[in-house]
């Protein structure tokens, strides 16, 4: 049996989007009328075809049923505890309390420097602070749960009484459980809940929201010639199956974010394919997150214009993703990305 996938295409933004929705010629993404689409791409493993949404009624009955279900997932309002999806994108500020993270390793190792950076990110406009105590850069070595917890614990008290949404970047249930005694709103596990068999049980019992992330292999080996039959559809199927496993395990809530994992077991072609076609994942019905900040693909695309912090490439790819309906952007340079987005919105 052929499996079909639906990708929203041809997006409209701001006043144009509002007007098109009013005229019933485009549909909102995630219930947000400030971004909408009027075209879909129907994809299978062997072919693909773009059609205007007004042509859906002409599709064969079996395909039409699947497409209409997908469009319902794309359009439905996204609700998430303590997050507002009306003013998008939401910026997640990165705080790595590690000596060896790929971009900022060692900068925020001390309690004082980490606290100062957290305050800066909040002031710059971050709505989520993502705290991590283990580097998952390509080739990184694993650290013990005890060491990771020691790193993380020293800053959790600092955010406990702040009006901020706290995300914990960890693969280990031991760290999750200990952190749950502090303020914790989201688990961001880059292994897709696969590294630690106790993670799903913890998430079931705690009912905490979480990011369902894709990574091929482990941080140590993920960039050793990663291969896919079709990177876009393979990762879509991964999410589809993982969501079924999660439901079967007893996690019933809808507070899940999907992240296809740019740079986590992907080469340049894989990354570009995913970013260009990111809107396919809207049809799974959950908010999308992308971590584009300072990533290697920016260097590969910019060539001699590469820079240490890759702010230009981060800002441009962030705005590009925003225009595809991505709800959350995980970034290091919150002020610069926020500036770029504000200027773009005003000009637009």
C-alpha atoms as a PDB file:
ATOM      1  CA  UNK A   1       0.000   0.000   0.000  1.00  0.00           C
ATOM      2  CA  UNK A   2       1.362   3.414  -0.997  1.00  0.00           C
ATOM      3  CA  UNK A   3       1.919   5.849   1.865  1.00  0.00           C
ATOM      4  CA  UNK A   4       1.183   9.499   1.113  1.00  0.00           C
ATOM      5  CA  UNK A   5       2.540  12.571   2.871  1.00  0.00           C
ATOM      6  CA  UNK A   6       1.205  16.132   2.786  1.00  0.00           C
ATOM      7  CA  UNK A   7       3.427  19.198   2.780  1.00  0.00           C
ATOM      8  CA  UNK A   8       2.020  22.717   3.118  1.00  0.00           C
ATOM      9  CA  UNK A   9       3.470  25.077   0.488  1.00  0.00           C
ATOM     10  CA  UNK A  10       3.180  28.637  -0.862  1.00  0.00           C
ATOM     11  CA  UNK A  11       2.944  30.564   2.386  1.00  0.00           C
ATOM     12  CA  UNK A  12       1.523  34.022   3.048  1.00  0.00           C
ATOM     13  CA  UNK A  13       2.451  36.255   5.946  1.00  0.00           C
ATOM     14  CA  UNK A  14       1.021  39.065   8.084  1.00  0.00           C
ATOM     15  CA  UNK A  15      -1.706  41.195   6.425  1.00  0.00           C
ATOM     16  CA  UNK A  16      -1.625  39.200   3.189  1.00  0.00           C
ATOM     17  CA  UNK A  17      -2.262  36.043   5.174  1.00  0.00           C
ATOM     18  CA  UNK A  18      -5.126  37.624   7.122  1.00  0.00           C
ATOM     19  CA  UNK A  19      -6.742  38.844   3.907  1.00  0.00           C
ATOM     20  CA  UNK A  20      -6.362  35.497   2.137  1.00  0.00           C
ATOM     21  CA  UNK A  21      -7.863  33.620   5.063  1.00  0.00           C
ATOM     22  CA  UNK A  22     -10.772  36.088   5.123  1.00  0.00           C
ATOM     23  CA  UNK A  23     -11.332  35.404   1.408  1.00  0.00           C
ATOM     24  CA  UNK A  24     -11.037  31.654   2.091  1.00  0.00           C
ATOM     25  CA  UNK A  25      -8.183  31.211  -0.363  1.00  0.00           C
ATOM     26  CA  UNK A  26      -5.570  30.105   2.198  1.00  0.00           C
ATOM     27  CA  UNK A  27      -5.504  28.144   5.457  1.00  0.00           C
ATOM     28  CA  UNK A  28      -3.737  29.038   8.745  1.00  0.00           C
ATOM     29  CA  UNK A  29      -0.748  27.113  10.092  1.00  0.00           C
ATOM     30  CA  UNK A  30      -1.298  25.953  13.663  1.00  0.00           C
ATOM     31  CA  UNK A  31      -4.336  28.173  14.015  1.00  0.00           C
ATOM     32  CA  UNK A  32      -2.155  31.290  13.580  1.00  0.00           C
ATOM     33  CA  UNK A  33      -3.782  33.526  10.968  1.00  0.00           C
ATOM     34  CA  UNK A  34      -0.585  35.522  10.493  1.00  0.00           C
ATOM     35  CA  UNK A  35       0.845  32.666   8.420  1.00  0.00           C
ATOM     36  CA  UNK A  36      -1.134  30.593   5.944  1.00  0.00           C
ATOM     37  CA  UNK A  37      -0.796  28.462   2.816  1.00  0.00           C
ATOM     38  CA  UNK A  38      -2.829  27.812  -0.336  1.00  0.00           C
ATOM     39  CA  UNK A  39      -0.962  24.865  -1.862  1.00  0.00           C
ATOM     40  CA  UNK A  40      -0.044  21.372  -0.769  1.00  0.00           C
ATOM     41  CA  UNK A  41       2.476  18.898  -2.109  1.00  0.00           C
ATOM     42  CA  UNK A  42       1.285  15.302  -2.049  1.00  0.00           C
ATOM     43  CA  UNK A  43       4.347  13.070  -1.759  1.00  0.00           C
ATOM     44  CA  UNK A  44       5.001   9.340  -1.972  1.00  0.00           C
ATOM     45  CA  UNK A  45       8.256   7.395  -2.156  1.00  0.00           C
ATOM     46  CA  UNK A  46       8.090   7.472  -5.951  1.00  0.00           C
ATOM     47  CA  UNK A  47       6.493  10.782  -6.950  1.00  0.00           C
ATOM     48  CA  UNK A  48       5.095  14.106  -5.802  1.00  0.00           C
ATOM     49  CA  UNK A  49       2.584  16.634  -7.039  1.00  0.00           C
ATOM     50  CA  UNK A  50       1.560  20.154  -5.975  1.00  0.00           C
ATOM     51  CA  UNK A  51      -2.092  21.245  -6.028  1.00  0.00           C
ATOM     52  CA  UNK A  52      -4.058  24.253  -4.824  1.00  0.00           C
ATOM     53  CA  UNK A  53      -6.163  23.548  -1.745  1.00  0.00           C
ATOM     54  CA  UNK A  54      -9.328  24.163  -3.821  1.00  0.00           C
ATOM     55  CA  UNK A  55      -8.422  21.092  -5.909  1.00  0.00           C
ATOM     56  CA  UNK A  56      -8.394  18.681  -2.957  1.00  0.00           C
ATOM     57  CA  UNK A  57     -12.032  17.762  -3.571  1.00  0.00           C
ATOM     58  CA  UNK A  58     -10.991  16.341  -6.960  1.00  0.00           C
ATOM     59  CA  UNK A  59      -8.547  13.815  -5.471  1.00  0.00           C
ATOM     60  CA  UNK A  60      -9.308  10.080  -5.409  1.00  0.00           C
ATOM     61  CA  UNK A  61     -11.329   9.195  -2.294  1.00  0.00           C
ATOM     62  CA  UNK A  62      -8.571   7.261  -0.498  1.00  0.00           C
ATOM     63  CA  UNK A  63      -5.955   9.996  -1.017  1.00  0.00           C
ATOM     64  CA  UNK A  64      -8.426  12.784  -0.226  1.00  0.00           C
ATOM     65  CA  UNK A  65      -9.211  11.276   3.183  1.00  0.00           C
ATOM     66  CA  UNK A  66      -5.501  11.171   4.099  1.00  0.00           C
ATOM     67  CA  UNK A  67      -4.877  14.710   2.818  1.00  0.00           C
ATOM     68  CA  UNK A  68      -7.852  16.165   4.692  1.00  0.00           C
ATOM     69  CA  UNK A  69      -6.655  14.510   7.895  1.00  0.00           C
ATOM     70  CA  UNK A  70      -3.190  15.974   7.377  1.00  0.00           C
ATOM     71  CA  UNK A  71      -4.584  19.447   6.665  1.00  0.00           C
ATOM     72  CA  UNK A  72      -6.600  19.281   9.872  1.00  0.00           C
ATOM     73  CA  UNK A  73      -3.347  18.560  11.731  1.00  0.00           C
ATOM     74  CA  UNK A  74      -1.582  21.446   9.965  1.00  0.00           C
ATOM     75  CA  UNK A  75      -4.324  23.965  10.700  1.00  0.00           C
ATOM     76  CA  UNK A  76      -5.431  23.083  14.214  1.00  0.00           C
ATOM     77  CA  UNK A  77      -4.555  25.464  17.024  1.00  0.00           C
ATOM     78  CA  UNK A  78      -1.424  24.477  18.914  1.00  0.00           C
ATOM     79  CA  UNK A  79      -1.799  24.764  22.683  1.00  0.00           C
ATOM     80  CA  UNK A  80       1.035  24.224  25.110  1.00  0.00           C
ATOM     81  CA  UNK A  81       1.248  24.917  28.862  1.00  0.00           C
ATOM     82  CA  UNK A  82       2.833  28.339  29.506  1.00  0.00           C
ATOM     83  CA  UNK A  83       3.751  28.975  25.847  1.00  0.00           C
ATOM     84  CA  UNK A  84       1.994  31.472  23.571  1.00  0.00           C
ATOM     85  CA  UNK A  85       1.934  30.446  19.913  1.00  0.00           C
ATOM     86  CA  UNK A  86       0.295  33.657  18.706  1.00  0.00           C
ATOM     87  CA  UNK A  87       3.495  35.697  18.383  1.00  0.00           C
ATOM     88  CA  UNK A  88       5.940  33.460  16.534  1.00  0.00           C
ATOM     89  CA  UNK A  89       8.638  32.310  16.510  1.00  0.00           C
ATOM     90  CA  UNK A  90       9.358  31.502  20.137  1.00  0.00           C
ATOM     91  CA  UNK A  91      13.080  31.775  20.842  1.00  0.00           C
ATOM     92  CA  UNK A  92      14.752  29.143  23.001  1.00  0.00           C
ATOM     93  CA  UNK A  93      18.014  30.464  24.422  1.00  0.00           C
ATOM     94  CA  UNK A  94      20.870  27.971  24.775  1.00  0.00           C
ATOM     95  CA  UNK A  95      22.935  27.696  27.967  1.00  0.00           C
ATOM     96  CA  UNK A  96      25.544  24.933  27.783  1.00  0.00           C
ATOM     97  CA  UNK A  97      27.192  24.337  31.160  1.00  0.00           C
ATOM     98  CA  UNK A  98      29.914  22.229  29.585  1.00  0.00           C
ATOM     99  CA  UNK A  99      33.626  22.503  28.779  1.00  0.00           C
ATOM    100  CA  UNK A 100      33.275  21.087  25.263  1.00  0.00           C
ATOM    101  CA  UNK A 101      30.057  22.132  23.492  1.00  0.00           C
ATOM    102  CA  UNK A 102      30.689  22.842  19.805  1.00  0.00           C
ATOM    103  CA  UNK A 103      30.169  26.601  19.966  1.00  0.00           C
ATOM    104  CA  UNK A 104      30.175  27.894  23.538  1.00  0.00           C
ATOM    105  CA  UNK A 105      31.961  25.146  25.467  1.00  0.00           C
ATOM    106  CA  UNK A 106      33.642  26.475  28.601  1.00  0.00           C
ATOM    107  CA  UNK A 107      32.058  29.951  28.459  1.00  0.00           C
ATOM    108  CA  UNK A 108      29.376  29.292  31.076  1.00  0.00           C
ATOM    109  CA  UNK A 109      30.988  26.626  33.247  1.00  0.00           C
ATOM    110  CA  UNK A 110      30.938  28.723  36.389  1.00  0.00           C
ATOM    111  CA  UNK A 111      27.751  29.408  38.283  1.00  0.00           C
ATOM    112  CA  UNK A 112      28.258  33.165  37.962  1.00  0.00           C
ATOM    113  CA  UNK A 113      28.820  33.158  34.185  1.00  0.00           C
ATOM    114  CA  UNK A 114      25.876  30.801  33.587  1.00  0.00           C
ATOM    115  CA  UNK A 115      23.532  32.952  35.688  1.00  0.00           C
ATOM    116  CA  UNK A 116      24.692  36.098  33.891  1.00  0.00           C
ATOM    117  CA  UNK A 117      24.062  34.485  30.498  1.00  0.00           C
ATOM    118  CA  UNK A 118      20.614  33.253  31.507  1.00  0.00           C
ATOM    119  CA  UNK A 119      19.642  36.768  32.596  1.00  0.00           C
ATOM    120  CA  UNK A 120      20.970  38.184  29.325  1.00  0.00           C
ATOM    121  CA  UNK A 121      19.035  35.691  27.206  1.00  0.00           C
ATOM    122  CA  UNK A 122      15.817  36.459  29.090  1.00  0.00           C
ATOM    123  CA  UNK A 123      16.392  40.199  28.686  1.00  0.00           C
ATOM    124  CA  UNK A 124      17.119  39.722  24.962  1.00  0.00           C
ATOM    125  CA  UNK A 125      13.763  38.050  24.403  1.00  0.00           C
ATOM    126  CA  UNK A 126      14.153  34.321  25.013  1.00  0.00           C
ATOM    127  CA  UNK A 127      10.882  32.759  26.157  1.00  0.00           C
ATOM    128  CA  UNK A 128      12.544  29.397  26.864  1.00  0.00           C
ATOM    129  CA  UNK A 129      15.913  28.734  28.498  1.00  0.00           C
ATOM    130  CA  UNK A 130      17.444  25.387  27.496  1.00  0.00           C
ATOM    131  CA  UNK A 131      19.975  24.232  30.096  1.00  0.00           C
ATOM    132  CA  UNK A 132      22.379  21.403  29.264  1.00  0.00           C
ATOM    133  CA  UNK A 133      25.221  19.733  31.131  1.00  0.00           C
ATOM    134  CA  UNK A 134      26.497  17.343  28.448  1.00  0.00           C
ATOM    135  CA  UNK A 135      27.907  18.207  25.039  1.00  0.00           C
ATOM    136  CA  UNK A 136      26.265  16.363  22.131  1.00  0.00           C
ATOM    137  CA  UNK A 137      28.433  17.884  19.426  1.00  0.00           C
ATOM    138  CA  UNK A 138      29.729  15.498  16.722  1.00  0.00           C
ATOM    139  CA  UNK A 139      32.413  13.234  18.193  1.00  0.00           C
ATOM    140  CA  UNK A 140      31.712  14.166  21.799  1.00  0.00           C
ATOM    141  CA  UNK A 141      32.317  11.732  24.623  1.00  0.00           C
ATOM    142  CA  UNK A 142      29.565  10.784  27.046  1.00  0.00           C
ATOM    143  CA  UNK A 143      29.716  12.124  30.605  1.00  0.00           C
ATOM    144  CA  UNK A 144      28.357  10.335  33.658  1.00  0.00           C
ATOM    145  CA  UNK A 145      24.890  11.184  34.903  1.00  0.00           C
ATOM    146  CA  UNK A 146      26.383  12.290  38.232  1.00  0.00           C
ATOM    147  CA  UNK A 147      28.787  14.752  36.593  1.00  0.00           C
ATOM    148  CA  UNK A 148      26.070  16.085  34.301  1.00  0.00           C
ATOM    149  CA  UNK A 149      23.751  16.627  37.260  1.00  0.00           C
ATOM    150  CA  UNK A 150      26.401  18.523  39.228  1.00  0.00           C
ATOM    151  CA  UNK A 151      26.831  20.885  36.265  1.00  0.00           C
ATOM    152  CA  UNK A 152      23.096  21.484  35.812  1.00  0.00           C
ATOM    153  CA  UNK A 153      22.101  21.740  39.461  1.00  0.00           C
ATOM    154  CA  UNK A 154      24.140  24.847  40.124  1.00  0.00           C
ATOM    155  CA  UNK A 155      21.938  27.005  37.867  1.00  0.00           C
ATOM    156  CA  UNK A 156      18.496  25.467  38.369  1.00  0.00           C
ATOM    157  CA  UNK A 157      17.983  27.413  41.591  1.00  0.00           C
ATOM    158  CA  UNK A 158      18.633  30.610  39.645  1.00  0.00           C
ATOM    159  CA  UNK A 159      15.684  30.055  37.292  1.00  0.00           C
ATOM    160  CA  UNK A 160      13.354  28.614  39.920  1.00  0.00           C
ATOM    161  CA  UNK A 161      11.666  31.915  40.723  1.00  0.00           C
ATOM    162  CA  UNK A 162      12.003  33.598  37.343  1.00  0.00           C
ATOM    163  CA  UNK A 163       9.117  34.055  34.941  1.00  0.00           C
ATOM    164  CA  UNK A 164      10.695  31.844  32.302  1.00  0.00           C
ATOM    165  CA  UNK A 165       9.946  28.506  30.674  1.00  0.00           C
ATOM    166  CA  UNK A 166      12.756  26.088  31.596  1.00  0.00           C
ATOM    167  CA  UNK A 167      13.921  23.301  29.281  1.00  0.00           C
ATOM    168  CA  UNK A 168      16.418  20.632  30.298  1.00  0.00           C
ATOM    169  CA  UNK A 169      18.692  19.292  27.557  1.00  0.00           C
ATOM    170  CA  UNK A 170      19.535  15.765  28.728  1.00  0.00           C
ATOM    171  CA  UNK A 171      19.360  12.114  27.668  1.00  0.00           C
ATOM    172  CA  UNK A 172      19.461  10.725  31.190  1.00  0.00           C
ATOM    173  CA  UNK A 173      16.459   9.916  33.396  1.00  0.00           C
ATOM    174  CA  UNK A 174      18.626  10.361  36.516  1.00  0.00           C
ATOM    175  CA  UNK A 175      19.186  14.020  35.607  1.00  0.00           C
ATOM    176  CA  UNK A 176      15.532  14.482  34.647  1.00  0.00           C
ATOM    177  CA  UNK A 177      14.287  13.063  37.939  1.00  0.00           C
ATOM    178  CA  UNK A 178      16.632  15.190  40.034  1.00  0.00           C
ATOM    179  CA  UNK A 179      15.808  18.320  38.053  1.00  0.00           C
ATOM    180  CA  UNK A 180      12.075  17.764  38.492  1.00  0.00           C
ATOM    181  CA  UNK A 181      12.471  18.860  42.123  1.00  0.00           C
ATOM    182  CA  UNK A 182      13.318  22.313  40.727  1.00  0.00           C
ATOM    183  CA  UNK A 183      11.450  24.320  38.096  1.00  0.00           C
ATOM    184  CA  UNK A 184      11.142  22.248  34.925  1.00  0.00           C
ATOM    185  CA  UNK A 185       8.750  22.798  32.005  1.00  0.00           C
ATOM    186  CA  UNK A 186      10.229  20.741  29.161  1.00  0.00           C
ATOM    187  CA  UNK A 187      12.569  17.794  28.527  1.00  0.00           C
ATOM    188  CA  UNK A 188      14.774  18.145  25.442  1.00  0.00           C
ATOM    189  CA  UNK A 189      16.313  14.694  24.826  1.00  0.00           C
ATOM    190  CA  UNK A 190      18.378  14.609  21.622  1.00  0.00           C
ATOM    191  CA  UNK A 191      18.262  10.793  21.544  1.00  0.00           C
ATOM    192  CA  UNK A 192      14.533  10.780  20.834  1.00  0.00           C
ATOM    193  CA  UNK A 193      13.901   9.120  24.234  1.00  0.00           C
ATOM    194  CA  UNK A 194      16.001   6.132  23.098  1.00  0.00           C
ATOM    195  CA  UNK A 195      19.203   6.516  25.111  1.00  0.00           C
ATOM    196  CA  UNK A 196      17.733   5.666  28.530  1.00  0.00           C
ATOM    197  CA  UNK A 197      14.959   3.061  28.781  1.00  0.00           C
ATOM    198  CA  UNK A 198      13.634   4.759  31.937  1.00  0.00           C
ATOM    199  CA  UNK A 199      12.982   8.073  30.182  1.00  0.00           C
ATOM    200  CA  UNK A 200       9.564   7.156  28.775  1.00  0.00           C
ATOM    201  CA  UNK A 201       8.429   5.901  32.202  1.00  0.00           C
ATOM    202  CA  UNK A 202       9.605   9.140  33.797  1.00  0.00           C
ATOM    203  CA  UNK A 203       7.743  11.206  31.200  1.00  0.00           C
ATOM    204  CA  UNK A 204       4.611   9.115  31.669  1.00  0.00           C
ATOM    205  CA  UNK A 205       4.638   9.556  35.452  1.00  0.00           C
ATOM    206  CA  UNK A 206       5.652  13.226  35.483  1.00  0.00           C
ATOM    207  CA  UNK A 207       3.423  14.227  32.532  1.00  0.00           C
ATOM    208  CA  UNK A 208       6.136  16.717  31.563  1.00  0.00           C
ATOM    209  CA  UNK A 209       6.119  18.131  28.015  1.00  0.00           C
ATOM    210  CA  UNK A 210       9.045  17.025  25.873  1.00  0.00           C
ATOM    211  CA  UNK A 211      10.828  17.434  22.558  1.00  0.00           C
ATOM    212  CA  UNK A 212      10.822  14.403  20.287  1.00  0.00           C
ATOM    213  CA  UNK A 213      14.159  14.768  18.530  1.00  0.00           C
ATOM    214  CA  UNK A 214      15.711  12.840  15.646  1.00  0.00           C
ATOM    215  CA  UNK A 215      19.342  11.743  15.712  1.00  0.00           C
ATOM    216  CA  UNK A 216      20.938   9.041  13.588  1.00  0.00           C
ATOM    217  CA  UNK A 217      23.410   7.117  15.746  1.00  0.00           C
ATOM    218  CA  UNK A 218      25.020   8.744  18.792  1.00  0.00           C
ATOM    219  CA  UNK A 219      26.881  12.057  19.157  1.00  0.00           C
ATOM    220  CA  UNK A 220      30.157  10.143  18.942  1.00  0.00           C
ATOM    221  CA  UNK A 221      29.428   8.528  15.538  1.00  0.00           C
ATOM    222  CA  UNK A 222      26.450  10.394  14.036  1.00  0.00           C
ATOM    223  CA  UNK A 223      28.466  12.311  11.449  1.00  0.00           C
ATOM    224  CA  UNK A 224      30.340   9.278  10.080  1.00  0.00           C
ATOM    225  CA  UNK A 225      28.813   9.136   6.606  1.00  0.00           C
ATOM    226  CA  UNK A 226      25.108   9.205   7.539  1.00  0.00           C
ATOM    227  CA  UNK A 227      22.802   7.668   4.908  1.00  0.00           C
ATOM    228  CA  UNK A 228      19.046   7.626   4.257  1.00  0.00           C
ATOM    229  CA  UNK A 229      16.791   6.258   1.548  1.00  0.00           C
ATOM    230  CA  UNK A 230      14.883   9.550   1.635  1.00  0.00           C
ATOM    231  CA  UNK A 231      15.908  11.801   4.512  1.00  0.00           C
ATOM    232  CA  UNK A 232      12.635  13.740   4.587  1.00  0.00           C
ATOM    233  CA  UNK A 233      10.290  10.765   4.522  1.00  0.00           C
ATOM    234  CA  UNK A 234      12.542   8.557   6.649  1.00  0.00           C
ATOM    235  CA  UNK A 235      12.453  11.114   9.470  1.00  0.00           C
ATOM    236  CA  UNK A 236       8.709  11.641   9.033  1.00  0.00           C
ATOM    237  CA  UNK A 237       8.218   7.874   9.412  1.00  0.00           C
ATOM    238  CA  UNK A 238      10.529   7.896  12.436  1.00  0.00           C
ATOM    239  CA  UNK A 239       8.308  10.492  14.136  1.00  0.00           C
ATOM    240  CA  UNK A 240       5.150   8.651  13.101  1.00  0.00           C
ATOM    241  CA  UNK A 241       6.384   5.377  14.610  1.00  0.00           C
ATOM    242  CA  UNK A 242       7.881   7.020  17.707  1.00  0.00           C
ATOM    243  CA  UNK A 243       4.578   8.747  18.457  1.00  0.00           C
ATOM    244  CA  UNK A 244       2.819   5.381  18.249  1.00  0.00           C
ATOM    245  CA  UNK A 245       5.327   3.873  20.698  1.00  0.00           C
ATOM    246  CA  UNK A 246       4.851   6.816  23.071  1.00  0.00           C
ATOM    247  CA  UNK A 247       1.073   6.467  22.983  1.00  0.00           C
ATOM    248  CA  UNK A 248       1.302   2.719  23.531  1.00  0.00           C
ATOM    249  CA  UNK A 249       3.515   3.385  26.563  1.00  0.00           C
ATOM    250  CA  UNK A 250       0.730   5.424  28.119  1.00  0.00           C
ATOM    251  CA  UNK A 251       1.733   9.031  27.368  1.00  0.00           C
ATOM    252  CA  UNK A 252      -1.555  10.594  26.283  1.00  0.00           C
ATOM    253  CA  UNK A 253      -0.962  14.351  26.421  1.00  0.00           C
ATOM    254  CA  UNK A 254      -0.362  16.501  23.340  1.00  0.00           C
ATOM    255  CA  UNK A 255       2.473  18.578  24.799  1.00  0.00           C
ATOM    256  CA  UNK A 256       5.122  17.321  22.391  1.00  0.00           C
ATOM    257  CA  UNK A 257       7.472  19.292  20.136  1.00  0.00           C
ATOM    258  CA  UNK A 258       9.078  17.741  17.031  1.00  0.00           C
ATOM    259  CA  UNK A 259      12.700  18.502  16.087  1.00  0.00           C
ATOM    260  CA  UNK A 260      14.221  16.773  13.016  1.00  0.00           C
ATOM    261  CA  UNK A 261      17.723  17.369  14.397  1.00  0.00           C
ATOM    262  CA  UNK A 262      19.682  19.535  11.966  1.00  0.00           C
ATOM    263  CA  UNK A 263      23.306  18.341  12.094  1.00  0.00           C
ATOM    264  CA  UNK A 264      22.517  15.239  14.137  1.00  0.00           C
ATOM    265  CA  UNK A 265      23.458  12.468  11.726  1.00  0.00           C
ATOM    266  CA  UNK A 266      22.968  14.540   8.571  1.00  0.00           C
ATOM    267  CA  UNK A 267      25.281  15.808   5.871  1.00  0.00           C
ATOM    268  CA  UNK A 268      24.851  19.142   4.075  1.00  0.00           C
ATOM    269  CA  UNK A 269      22.391  17.771   1.513  1.00  0.00           C
ATOM    270  CA  UNK A 270      20.284  16.162   4.244  1.00  0.00           C
ATOM    271  CA  UNK A 271      20.203  19.391   6.272  1.00  0.00           C
ATOM    272  CA  UNK A 272      19.212  21.550   3.296  1.00  0.00           C
ATOM    273  CA  UNK A 273      16.510  19.082   2.242  1.00  0.00           C
ATOM    274  CA  UNK A 274      15.039  19.142   5.744  1.00  0.00           C
ATOM    275  CA  UNK A 275      15.112  22.924   6.125  1.00  0.00           C
ATOM    276  CA  UNK A 276      13.623  23.487   2.656  1.00  0.00           C
ATOM    277  CA  UNK A 277      10.832  20.978   3.268  1.00  0.00           C
ATOM    278  CA  UNK A 278      10.345  21.447   7.013  1.00  0.00           C
ATOM    279  CA  UNK A 279       6.635  22.165   6.575  1.00  0.00           C
ATOM    280  CA  UNK A 280       5.942  18.467   5.874  1.00  0.00           C
ATOM    281  CA  UNK A 281       6.175  17.840   9.625  1.00  0.00           C
ATOM    282  CA  UNK A 282       3.235  20.172  10.348  1.00  0.00           C
ATOM    283  CA  UNK A 283       0.966  17.371   9.151  1.00  0.00           C
ATOM    284  CA  UNK A 284       1.908  15.321  12.233  1.00  0.00           C
ATOM    285  CA  UNK A 285      -0.036  17.859  14.281  1.00  0.00           C
ATOM    286  CA  UNK A 286       2.594  19.097  16.760  1.00  0.00           C
ATOM    287  CA  UNK A 287       4.677  22.301  17.116  1.00  0.00           C
ATOM    288  CA  UNK A 288       8.036  22.239  15.318  1.00  0.00           C
ATOM    289  CA  UNK A 289      11.429  23.249  16.656  1.00  0.00           C
ATOM    290  CA  UNK A 290      14.683  23.775  14.769  1.00  0.00           C
ATOM    291  CA  UNK A 291      18.216  24.173  16.101  1.00  0.00           C
ATOM    292  CA  UNK A 292      20.005  26.091  13.327  1.00  0.00           C
ATOM    293  CA  UNK A 293      22.209  28.307  15.438  1.00  0.00           C
ATOM    294  CA  UNK A 294      25.909  28.385  14.440  1.00  0.00           C
ATOM    295  CA  UNK A 295      25.587  25.001  12.718  1.00  0.00           C
ATOM    296  CA  UNK A 296      28.118  23.587  10.240  1.00  0.00           C
ATOM    297  CA  UNK A 297      25.745  23.931   7.259  1.00  0.00           C
ATOM    298  CA  UNK A 298      26.156  27.729   7.554  1.00  0.00           C
ATOM    299  CA  UNK A 299      29.897  27.371   7.029  1.00  0.00           C
ATOM    300  CA  UNK A 300      29.356  24.963   4.130  1.00  0.00           C
ATOM    301  CA  UNK A 301      26.988  27.383   2.392  1.00  0.00           C
ATOM    302  CA  UNK A 302      28.826  30.636   3.121  1.00  0.00           C
ATOM    303  CA  UNK A 303      32.345  29.453   2.231  1.00  0.00           C
ATOM    304  CA  UNK A 304      34.930  32.172   2.737  1.00  0.00           C
ATOM    305  CA  UNK A 305      32.355  34.323   4.538  1.00  0.00           C
ATOM    306  CA  UNK A 306      32.147  31.911   7.471  1.00  0.00           C
ATOM    307  CA  UNK A 307      32.622  33.440  10.929  1.00  0.00           C
ATOM    308  CA  UNK A 308      33.011  32.138  14.445  1.00  0.00           C
ATOM    309  CA  UNK A 309      29.464  32.835  15.633  1.00  0.00           C
ATOM    310  CA  UNK A 310      27.768  32.553  12.196  1.00  0.00           C
ATOM    311  CA  UNK A 311      25.198  35.141  13.178  1.00  0.00           C
ATOM    312  CA  UNK A 312      24.295  36.106   9.608  1.00  0.00           C
ATOM    313  CA  UNK A 313      23.570  32.523   8.624  1.00  0.00           C
ATOM    314  CA  UNK A 314      21.681  31.888  11.848  1.00  0.00           C
ATOM    315  CA  UNK A 315      19.450  34.941  11.363  1.00  0.00           C
ATOM    316  CA  UNK A 316      18.702  34.235   7.689  1.00  0.00           C
ATOM    317  CA  UNK A 317      17.935  30.543   8.224  1.00  0.00           C
ATOM    318  CA  UNK A 318      15.802  31.431  11.261  1.00  0.00           C
ATOM    319  CA  UNK A 319      13.664  33.858   9.248  1.00  0.00           C
ATOM    320  CA  UNK A 320      13.426  31.306   6.418  1.00  0.00           C
ATOM    321  CA  UNK A 321      12.161  28.703   8.902  1.00  0.00           C
ATOM    322  CA  UNK A 322       9.729  31.167  10.481  1.00  0.00           C
ATOM    323  CA  UNK A 323       8.191  31.665   7.052  1.00  0.00           C
ATOM    324  CA  UNK A 324       7.617  27.900   6.844  1.00  0.00           C
ATOM    325  CA  UNK A 325       5.647  28.021  10.093  1.00  0.00           C
ATOM    326  CA  UNK A 326       8.306  26.697  12.505  1.00  0.00           C
ATOM    327  CA  UNK A 327       7.141  27.641  15.990  1.00  0.00           C
ATOM    328  CA  UNK A 328      10.324  27.371  18.109  1.00  0.00           C
ATOM    329  CA  UNK A 329      13.895  28.312  17.211  1.00  0.00           C
ATOM    330  CA  UNK A 330      16.764  27.159  19.454  1.00  0.00           C
ATOM    331  CA  UNK A 331      19.494  29.817  19.280  1.00  0.00           C
ATOM    332  CA  UNK A 332      22.593  31.057  21.059  1.00  0.00           C
ATOM    333  CA  UNK A 333      22.412  34.699  19.930  1.00  0.00           C
ATOM    334  CA  UNK A 334      18.896  35.606  21.020  1.00  0.00           C
ATOM    335  CA  UNK A 335      19.338  39.378  20.718  1.00  0.00           C
ATOM    336  CA  UNK A 336      20.601  39.240  17.124  1.00  0.00           C
ATOM    337  CA  UNK A 337      17.968  36.737  15.964  1.00  0.00           C
ATOM    338  CA  UNK A 338      15.236  38.714  17.716  1.00  0.00           C
ATOM    339  CA  UNK A 339      16.484  41.889  16.060  1.00  0.00           C
ATOM    340  CA  UNK A 340      16.431  40.281  12.611  1.00  0.00           C
ATOM    341  CA  UNK A 341      12.927  38.909  13.091  1.00  0.00           C
ATOM    342  CA  UNK A 342      11.541  42.221  14.411  1.00  0.00           C
ATOM    343  CA  UNK A 343      12.979  44.186  11.493  1.00  0.00           C
ATOM    344  CA  UNK A 344      11.717  41.618   8.984  1.00  0.00           C
ATOM    345  CA  UNK A 345       8.210  41.718  10.445  1.00  0.00           C
ATOM    346  CA  UNK A 346       8.071  45.505  10.399  1.00  0.00           C
ATOM    347  CA  UNK A 347       9.301  45.680   6.810  1.00  0.00           C
ATOM    348  CA  UNK A 348       6.921  42.940   5.779  1.00  0.00           C
END
